[in-house]
Amino acid sequence: MDRMIGTKQAAEKWGCDQMAVWEMCRSGLVKGAVHEGPGQPWRIPEGAACPHACKKPKETEK
């Protein structure tokens, strides 16, 4: 069984926003993602593939 990671780690791995990962999990797009209920974090298999091409927004230059 794969090790489980959270939405923050998945976002870093996939190169997208943490809320985008949360929404993909909530929509059932992330294979193997589990949620125990309200107030609990999403758990995503470490080997899960990103269901969409994600791109982090470019940071504004200072």
N, C-alpha and C. Protein backbone atom coordinates (compact mmCIF):
# COMPACT_ATOMS: atom_id res chain seq x y z
N MET A 1 0.84 -1.20 0.00
CA MET A 1 0.00 0.00 0.00
C MET A 1 0.88 1.24 0.00
N ASP A 2 0.48 2.21 -0.79
CA ASP A 2 1.23 3.47 -0.87
C ASP A 2 1.16 4.23 0.44
N ARG A 3 2.22 4.96 0.69
CA ARG A 3 2.24 5.90 1.80
C ARG A 3 1.27 7.03 1.45
N MET A 4 0.61 7.60 2.42
CA MET A 4 -0.37 8.66 2.18
C MET A 4 0.26 10.02 2.47
N ILE A 5 -0.12 11.01 1.64
CA ILE A 5 0.35 12.38 1.82
C ILE A 5 -0.87 13.30 1.88
N GLY A 6 -0.65 14.53 2.29
CA GLY A 6 -1.74 15.50 2.37
C GLY A 6 -1.81 16.37 1.14
N THR A 7 -2.77 17.28 1.13
CA THR A 7 -2.96 18.15 -0.02
C THR A 7 -1.78 19.09 -0.23
N LYS A 8 -1.13 19.51 0.84
CA LYS A 8 0.02 20.40 0.71
C LYS A 8 1.17 19.70 -0.01
N GLN A 9 1.45 18.47 0.40
CA GLN A 9 2.53 17.72 -0.23
C GLN A 9 2.20 17.39 -1.69
N ALA A 10 0.94 17.04 -1.95
CA ALA A 10 0.52 16.74 -3.33
C ALA A 10 0.64 17.99 -4.20
N ALA A 11 0.26 19.14 -3.66
CA ALA A 11 0.36 20.39 -4.42
C ALA A 11 1.81 20.69 -4.78
N GLU A 12 2.72 20.49 -3.84
CA GLU A 12 4.14 20.72 -4.10
C GLU A 12 4.65 19.74 -5.15
N LYS A 13 4.25 18.48 -5.04
CA LYS A 13 4.68 17.44 -5.97
C LYS A 13 4.15 17.69 -7.37
N TRP A 14 2.89 18.10 -7.49
CA TRP A 14 2.23 18.28 -8.78
C TRP A 14 2.42 19.68 -9.36
N GLY A 15 2.93 20.61 -8.55
CA GLY A 15 3.14 21.97 -9.04
C GLY A 15 1.88 22.77 -9.18
N CYS A 16 0.96 22.62 -8.23
CA CYS A 16 -0.27 23.40 -8.28
C CYS A 16 -0.65 23.90 -6.89
N ASP A 17 -1.72 24.63 -6.83
CA ASP A 17 -2.21 25.23 -5.60
C ASP A 17 -2.86 24.17 -4.70
N GLN A 18 -2.69 24.30 -3.39
CA GLN A 18 -3.26 23.35 -2.44
C GLN A 18 -4.79 23.29 -2.54
N MET A 19 -5.43 24.42 -2.77
CA MET A 19 -6.89 24.42 -2.91
C MET A 19 -7.33 23.69 -4.17
N ALA A 20 -6.52 23.74 -5.22
CA ALA A 20 -6.84 23.00 -6.44
C ALA A 20 -6.80 21.49 -6.16
N VAL A 21 -5.83 21.06 -5.38
CA VAL A 21 -5.74 19.64 -5.02
C VAL A 21 -6.95 19.25 -4.17
N TRP A 22 -7.30 20.10 -3.21
CA TRP A 22 -8.46 19.83 -2.36
C TRP A 22 -9.72 19.67 -3.20
N GLU A 23 -9.90 20.57 -4.17
CA GLU A 23 -11.09 20.53 -5.03
C GLU A 23 -11.10 19.28 -5.90
N MET A 24 -9.92 18.88 -6.40
CA MET A 24 -9.85 17.65 -7.21
C MET A 24 -10.21 16.43 -6.36
N CYS A 25 -9.75 16.41 -5.11
CA CYS A 25 -10.09 15.31 -4.20
C CYS A 25 -11.59 15.31 -3.93
N ARG A 26 -12.13 16.48 -3.62
CA ARG A 26 -13.55 16.62 -3.31
C ARG A 26 -14.42 16.19 -4.49
N SER A 27 -13.95 16.43 -5.69
CA SER A 27 -14.69 16.07 -6.90
C SER A 27 -14.51 14.61 -7.30
N GLY A 28 -13.67 13.88 -6.58
CA GLY A 28 -13.46 12.47 -6.87
C GLY A 28 -12.49 12.20 -8.01
N LEU A 29 -11.68 13.20 -8.36
CA LEU A 29 -10.77 13.05 -9.48
C LEU A 29 -9.43 12.41 -9.11
N VAL A 30 -9.07 12.43 -7.82
CA VAL A 30 -7.79 11.87 -7.39
C VAL A 30 -8.02 10.43 -6.95
N LYS A 31 -7.50 9.50 -7.74
CA LYS A 31 -7.71 8.08 -7.47
C LYS A 31 -7.06 7.68 -6.13
N GLY A 32 -7.87 7.09 -5.27
CA GLY A 32 -7.38 6.59 -3.98
C GLY A 32 -7.41 7.59 -2.85
N ALA A 33 -7.82 8.83 -3.13
CA ALA A 33 -7.89 9.84 -2.07
C ALA A 33 -9.03 9.51 -1.12
N VAL A 34 -8.77 9.64 0.18
CA VAL A 34 -9.79 9.34 1.18
C VAL A 34 -9.97 10.52 2.13
N HIS A 35 -11.19 10.66 2.61
CA HIS A 35 -11.55 11.74 3.52
C HIS A 35 -12.44 11.15 4.60
N GLU A 36 -12.05 11.31 5.84
CA GLU A 36 -12.78 10.71 6.96
C GLU A 36 -14.04 11.48 7.33
N GLY A 37 -14.13 12.74 6.91
CA GLY A 37 -15.31 13.53 7.23
C GLY A 37 -14.97 14.98 7.48
N PRO A 38 -15.96 15.80 7.83
CA PRO A 38 -15.74 17.23 8.06
C PRO A 38 -14.64 17.48 9.08
N GLY A 39 -13.76 18.42 8.76
CA GLY A 39 -12.68 18.78 9.67
C GLY A 39 -11.47 17.87 9.58
N GLN A 40 -11.55 16.84 8.76
CA GLN A 40 -10.43 15.91 8.61
C GLN A 40 -9.71 16.20 7.29
N PRO A 41 -8.39 15.95 7.25
CA PRO A 41 -7.65 16.21 6.02
C PRO A 41 -7.86 15.12 4.97
N TRP A 42 -7.63 15.48 3.72
CA TRP A 42 -7.62 14.50 2.65
C TRP A 42 -6.32 13.72 2.74
N ARG A 43 -6.39 12.43 2.50
CA ARG A 43 -5.19 11.59 2.43
C ARG A 43 -5.11 11.05 1.00
N ILE A 44 -3.96 11.28 0.39
CA ILE A 44 -3.76 10.95 -1.02
C ILE A 44 -2.61 9.95 -1.13
N PRO A 45 -2.78 8.86 -1.87
CA PRO A 45 -1.66 7.94 -2.05
C PRO A 45 -0.46 8.67 -2.67
N GLU A 46 0.73 8.44 -2.13
CA GLU A 46 1.93 9.13 -2.60
C GLU A 46 2.16 8.92 -4.10
N GLY A 47 1.79 7.78 -4.61
CA GLY A 47 2.00 7.48 -6.03
C GLY A 47 0.88 7.93 -6.95
N ALA A 48 -0.13 8.60 -6.41
CA ALA A 48 -1.26 9.04 -7.23
C ALA A 48 -0.80 10.07 -8.26
N ALA A 49 -1.40 9.99 -9.44
CA ALA A 49 -1.08 10.95 -10.50
C ALA A 49 -2.05 12.12 -10.43
N CYS A 50 -1.55 13.29 -10.82
CA CYS A 50 -2.39 14.48 -10.88
C CYS A 50 -3.38 14.31 -12.03
N PRO A 51 -4.68 14.46 -11.78
CA PRO A 51 -5.67 14.26 -12.84
C PRO A 51 -5.74 15.40 -13.85
N HIS A 52 -5.13 16.53 -13.54
CA HIS A 52 -5.13 17.70 -14.44
C HIS A 52 -3.72 18.26 -14.53
N ALA A 53 -3.43 18.93 -15.61
CA ALA A 53 -2.17 19.65 -15.71
C ALA A 53 -2.25 20.85 -14.79
N CYS A 54 -1.35 20.92 -13.84
CA CYS A 54 -1.36 22.02 -12.88
C CYS A 54 -0.17 22.93 -13.13
N LYS A 55 -0.42 24.19 -13.00
CA LYS A 55 0.66 25.17 -13.10
C LYS A 55 0.49 26.15 -11.97
N LYS A 56 1.58 26.36 -11.22
CA LYS A 56 1.53 27.35 -10.16
C LYS A 56 1.50 28.74 -10.78
N PRO A 57 0.71 29.63 -10.19
CA PRO A 57 0.72 31.00 -10.70
C PRO A 57 2.11 31.62 -10.53
N LYS A 58 2.52 32.42 -11.49
CA LYS A 58 3.83 33.06 -11.39
C LYS A 58 3.81 34.06 -10.26
N GLU A 59 4.89 34.04 -9.48
CA GLU A 59 4.99 35.00 -8.40
C GLU A 59 5.33 36.36 -8.98
N THR A 60 4.76 37.38 -8.38
CA THR A 60 5.03 38.73 -8.87
C THR A 60 6.44 39.13 -8.49
N GLU A 61 7.11 39.78 -9.42
CA GLU A 61 8.47 40.21 -9.17
C GLU A 61 8.46 41.48 -8.35
N LYS A 62 9.45 41.59 -7.47
CA LYS A 62 9.52 42.76 -6.60
C LYS A 62 10.57 43.71 -7.11
